[in-house]
Amino acid sequence: MKAMLVNESVYMPVMHAMIPVVLDGVPMFSEIWVDPDEESSTPGSSERGIKLLIKFDLKDVGFFDMMMYYEKGKMDILIHYPEELSDRESEIREGIRKIMKKNNLEIEYLAVEQGKESIPVSAAFPKIFERRNSINVTI
């Protein structure tokens, strides 16, 4: 990785980074959206967690979406993979489980599915478009 572009703005309620990478000689472009103060997925809970949306495109492989929610050492994960990898779904699922276990993270929910459509940023982070969460910095 030689470059990373971070979009920091007082108007943006989430963190956004774009990362161009060459992975084993294959060009890849990735976008990461992070809300470090997401409300808990447990109804009635006052806990906060971290929500991530990671989008990446591997040349000659395809487009991937990963939406994750982390709270107290537990992860909920949704992965959309390209149609060309449909015969490798169990391998993808097992690889994710190994990565999480290696990093002492417990998977509470894991969905690995062929992604026909990309996960919209507005669906993952609806508060991006809610004006009540913005800060007025006009002078």
Protein backbone atom coordinates (compact mmCIF):
# COMPACT_ATOMS: atom_id res chain seq x y z
CA MET A 1 0.00 0.00 0.00
CA LYS A 2 1.50 3.30 -1.07
CA ALA A 3 -1.41 5.69 -0.71
CA MET A 4 -4.56 6.21 1.27
CA LEU A 5 -7.10 8.98 0.88
CA VAL A 6 -9.10 9.84 4.00
CA ASN A 7 -12.25 11.92 3.70
CA GLU A 8 -12.47 13.90 6.93
CA SER A 9 -15.26 16.39 7.24
CA VAL A 10 -17.31 17.90 10.04
CA TYR A 11 -20.33 17.26 7.82
CA MET A 12 -19.70 13.51 7.59
CA PRO A 13 -20.99 11.50 10.59
CA VAL A 14 -18.85 8.47 9.58
CA MET A 15 -15.19 7.97 8.65
CA HIS A 16 -14.43 7.26 5.00
CA ALA A 17 -11.15 6.07 3.47
CA MET A 18 -10.21 5.02 -0.04
CA ILE A 19 -7.28 2.66 -0.41
CA PRO A 20 -5.65 1.70 -3.72
CA VAL A 21 -3.65 -1.51 -3.16
CA VAL A 22 -1.64 -4.01 -5.17
CA LEU A 23 -2.25 -7.43 -3.56
CA ASP A 24 0.07 -10.19 -4.82
CA GLY A 25 0.52 -8.24 -8.05
CA VAL A 26 -3.23 -7.71 -8.54
CA PRO A 27 -4.56 -4.12 -8.46
CA MET A 28 -7.36 -3.60 -5.95
CA PHE A 29 -9.36 -0.55 -4.97
CA SER A 30 -11.07 -0.44 -1.59
CA GLU A 31 -13.41 1.93 0.23
CA ILE A 32 -14.00 1.71 3.95
CA TRP A 33 -16.85 3.44 5.77
CA VAL A 34 -16.75 3.34 9.60
CA ASP A 35 -19.15 4.52 12.27
CA PRO A 36 -17.23 4.15 15.58
CA ASP A 37 -20.32 5.05 17.62
CA GLU A 38 -23.12 2.92 16.14
CA GLU A 39 -26.14 2.11 18.28
CA SER A 40 -26.31 -1.48 19.50
CA SER A 41 -28.03 -4.07 17.36
CA THR A 42 -29.63 -5.45 20.53
CA PRO A 43 -33.09 -3.88 21.03
CA GLY A 44 -33.30 -1.73 24.16
CA SER A 45 -29.53 -1.74 24.75
CA SER A 46 -27.65 1.50 25.46
CA GLU A 47 -24.35 -0.06 24.29
CA ARG A 48 -22.45 1.30 21.30
CA GLY A 49 -20.47 -0.63 18.73
CA ILE A 50 -18.54 -0.13 15.52
CA LYS A 51 -20.16 -0.54 12.12
CA LEU A 52 -18.05 -0.98 8.99
CA LEU A 53 -18.85 -1.17 5.31
CA ILE A 54 -15.94 -2.30 3.19
CA LYS A 55 -16.17 -2.33 -0.59
CA PHE A 56 -13.36 -3.66 -2.72
CA ASP A 57 -12.83 -4.50 -6.34
CA LEU A 58 -10.15 -7.03 -7.34
CA LYS A 59 -9.07 -6.83 -10.96
CA ASP A 60 -10.12 -9.98 -12.88
CA VAL A 61 -12.01 -11.30 -9.80
CA GLY A 62 -14.83 -8.87 -9.14
CA PHE A 63 -16.56 -6.66 -6.63
CA PHE A 64 -17.00 -7.52 -2.92
CA ASP A 65 -19.07 -5.88 -0.15
CA MET A 66 -18.58 -6.56 3.55
CA MET A 67 -20.81 -5.07 6.21
CA MET A 68 -19.71 -5.70 9.79
CA TYR A 69 -20.84 -4.74 13.25
CA TYR A 70 -18.50 -5.15 16.25
CA GLU A 71 -19.58 -4.97 19.86
CA LYS A 72 -17.82 -6.43 22.93
CA GLY A 73 -15.60 -8.88 21.02
CA LYS A 74 -18.45 -10.20 18.85
CA MET A 75 -18.95 -9.67 15.12
CA ASP A 76 -21.94 -9.72 12.80
CA ILE A 77 -20.75 -10.07 9.20
CA LEU A 78 -22.47 -9.93 5.81
CA ILE A 79 -20.32 -10.61 2.75
CA HIS A 80 -21.37 -10.27 -0.89
CA TYR A 81 -18.95 -11.91 -3.31
CA PRO A 82 -18.76 -11.92 -7.15
CA GLU A 83 -20.79 -14.41 -9.14
CA GLU A 84 -17.60 -16.03 -10.47
CA LEU A 85 -16.77 -17.34 -6.98
CA SER A 86 -20.08 -19.10 -6.33
CA ASP A 87 -18.36 -22.51 -6.20
CA ARG A 88 -16.03 -21.23 -3.43
CA GLU A 89 -18.63 -19.97 -0.94
CA SER A 90 -17.77 -22.54 1.75
CA GLU A 91 -14.06 -21.69 1.36
CA ILE A 92 -14.83 -17.98 1.81
CA ARG A 93 -16.99 -18.73 4.88
CA GLU A 94 -14.29 -20.92 6.47
CA GLY A 95 -11.56 -18.36 5.69
CA ILE A 96 -13.53 -15.62 7.46
CA ARG A 97 -14.08 -17.86 10.50
CA LYS A 98 -10.33 -18.60 10.69
CA ILE A 99 -9.41 -14.90 10.44
CA MET A 100 -11.86 -13.98 13.22
CA LYS A 101 -10.69 -16.83 15.48
CA LYS A 102 -7.03 -15.91 14.91
CA ASN A 103 -7.86 -12.36 16.08
CA ASN A 104 -9.86 -13.53 19.12
CA LEU A 105 -13.18 -12.33 17.69
CA GLU A 106 -16.35 -14.31 18.07
CA ILE A 107 -18.72 -14.46 15.12
CA GLU A 108 -22.29 -14.05 16.29
CA TYR A 109 -23.78 -13.88 12.77
CA LEU A 110 -22.16 -14.69 9.41
CA ALA A 111 -23.88 -14.43 6.03
CA VAL A 112 -21.86 -15.18 2.90
CA GLU A 113 -23.82 -14.76 -0.30
CA GLN A 114 -23.45 -14.02 -3.95
CA GLY A 115 -23.90 -10.27 -4.33
CA LYS A 116 -26.02 -9.33 -7.28
CA GLU A 117 -26.23 -5.72 -6.12
CA SER A 118 -23.86 -3.61 -4.07
CA ILE A 119 -24.85 -2.60 -0.54
CA PRO A 120 -25.72 1.11 -0.77
CA VAL A 121 -23.84 3.36 1.65
CA SER A 122 -27.15 5.05 2.47
CA ALA A 123 -28.62 1.68 3.54
CA ALA A 124 -25.64 0.86 5.76
CA PHE A 125 -25.39 4.35 7.27
CA PRO A 126 -28.76 6.11 7.02
CA LYS A 127 -27.62 8.90 9.33
CA ILE A 128 -25.34 10.21 6.57
CA PHE A 129 -28.50 11.63 5.02
CA GLU A 130 -30.22 12.71 8.25
CA ARG A 131 -29.72 16.45 8.67
CA ARG A 132 -30.20 16.30 12.45
CA ASN A 133 -26.79 14.66 12.87
CA SER A 134 -24.87 17.37 11.02
CA ILE A 135 -23.04 20.29 12.54
CA ASN A 136 -23.70 23.83 11.35
CA VAL A 137 -20.36 25.60 11.05
CA THR A 138 -21.49 28.71 9.15
CA ILE A 139 -20.21 32.03 10.39
